[in-house]
């Protein structure tokens, strides 16, 4: 059984209001919204040894390594058209 902890955090008022509105729109609770956001934030990043798309820099931040593909506005438009289909 998972143990839950109670804590108090201070948030800027506009962020708090936006979070409450987002939770309401998604038909969830503020607690669930914050929990999911924190789970995503603290999830382990892929390492350079992983054969994933992302690489991780010296600060632990993910990035896409250089590829032999030039991304243009046309490339983005084509992808958006595919998603709309």
Protein backbone atom coordinates (compact mmCIF):
# COMPACT_ATOMS: atom_id res chain seq x y z
CA UNK A 1 0.00 0.00 0.00
CA UNK A 2 1.32 3.41 -1.00
CA UNK A 3 1.84 5.96 1.75
CA UNK A 4 0.63 9.50 1.16
CA UNK A 5 2.19 12.60 2.64
CA UNK A 6 0.55 15.94 3.29
CA UNK A 7 2.45 19.12 2.58
CA UNK A 8 1.88 22.80 2.02
CA UNK A 9 3.25 24.59 -1.01
CA UNK A 10 3.10 28.24 -1.99
CA UNK A 11 2.16 29.00 -5.59
CA UNK A 12 1.77 32.30 -7.37
CA UNK A 13 -1.94 33.14 -7.36
CA UNK A 14 -2.31 33.20 -11.17
CA UNK A 15 -0.71 29.75 -11.43
CA UNK A 16 -2.96 28.40 -8.67
CA UNK A 17 -6.08 29.73 -10.44
CA UNK A 18 -4.93 28.32 -13.77
CA UNK A 19 -4.26 24.93 -12.17
CA UNK A 20 -7.71 24.87 -10.56
CA UNK A 21 -9.34 25.78 -13.89
CA UNK A 22 -7.33 23.09 -15.68
CA UNK A 23 -8.33 20.48 -13.12
CA UNK A 24 -11.98 21.47 -13.47
CA UNK A 25 -11.82 21.33 -17.29
CA UNK A 26 -10.21 17.88 -17.11
CA UNK A 27 -12.76 16.74 -14.54
CA UNK A 28 -10.10 15.86 -12.00
CA UNK A 29 -8.91 17.24 -8.70
CA UNK A 30 -6.12 19.70 -8.09
CA UNK A 31 -4.38 16.98 -6.09
CA UNK A 32 -4.48 14.56 -9.04
CA UNK A 33 -3.35 17.26 -11.48
CA UNK A 34 -0.34 18.21 -9.32
CA UNK A 35 0.51 14.57 -8.63
CA UNK A 36 0.58 13.73 -12.36
CA UNK A 37 2.65 16.84 -13.14
CA UNK A 38 5.18 15.96 -10.44
CA UNK A 39 5.34 12.33 -11.58
CA UNK A 40 6.22 13.52 -15.09
CA UNK A 41 8.76 16.02 -13.76
CA UNK A 42 10.64 13.57 -11.53
CA UNK A 43 10.50 10.62 -13.93
CA UNK A 44 13.98 9.46 -14.89
CA UNK A 45 15.33 10.91 -18.10
CA UNK A 46 16.74 8.57 -20.67
CA UNK A 47 20.51 8.31 -20.43
CA UNK A 48 23.02 8.56 -23.24
CA UNK A 49 23.27 4.75 -23.10
CA UNK A 50 19.58 4.33 -23.93
CA UNK A 51 18.75 3.70 -27.54
CA UNK A 52 15.93 6.21 -27.39
CA UNK A 53 15.35 9.26 -29.52
CA UNK A 54 16.53 11.64 -26.81
CA UNK A 55 20.00 12.30 -25.51
CA UNK A 56 20.71 13.88 -22.11
CA UNK A 57 23.09 16.80 -21.69
CA UNK A 58 25.50 17.41 -18.79
CA UNK A 59 22.71 19.17 -16.84
CA UNK A 60 20.42 16.16 -17.15
CA UNK A 61 18.15 17.88 -19.70
CA UNK A 62 16.86 15.89 -22.68
CA UNK A 63 17.55 17.05 -26.21
CA UNK A 64 17.29 15.70 -29.74
CA UNK A 65 20.69 14.97 -31.24
CA UNK A 66 21.51 16.39 -34.67
CA UNK A 67 20.15 14.37 -37.55
CA UNK A 68 20.65 14.56 -41.30
CA UNK A 69 17.17 16.06 -41.66
CA UNK A 70 16.42 19.73 -42.13
CA UNK A 71 13.10 20.73 -40.57
CA UNK A 72 11.34 23.41 -42.59
CA UNK A 73 7.95 25.08 -42.36
CA UNK A 74 6.86 22.74 -45.13
CA UNK A 75 7.94 19.71 -43.07
CA UNK A 76 5.91 20.95 -40.10
CA UNK A 77 2.87 21.67 -42.32
CA UNK A 78 3.06 18.15 -43.77
CA UNK A 79 3.13 16.64 -40.28
CA UNK A 80 0.18 18.77 -39.19
CA UNK A 81 -1.76 17.70 -42.30
CA UNK A 82 -1.06 14.05 -41.46
CA UNK A 83 -2.32 14.53 -37.90
CA UNK A 84 -5.54 16.13 -39.12
CA UNK A 85 -6.25 13.22 -41.47
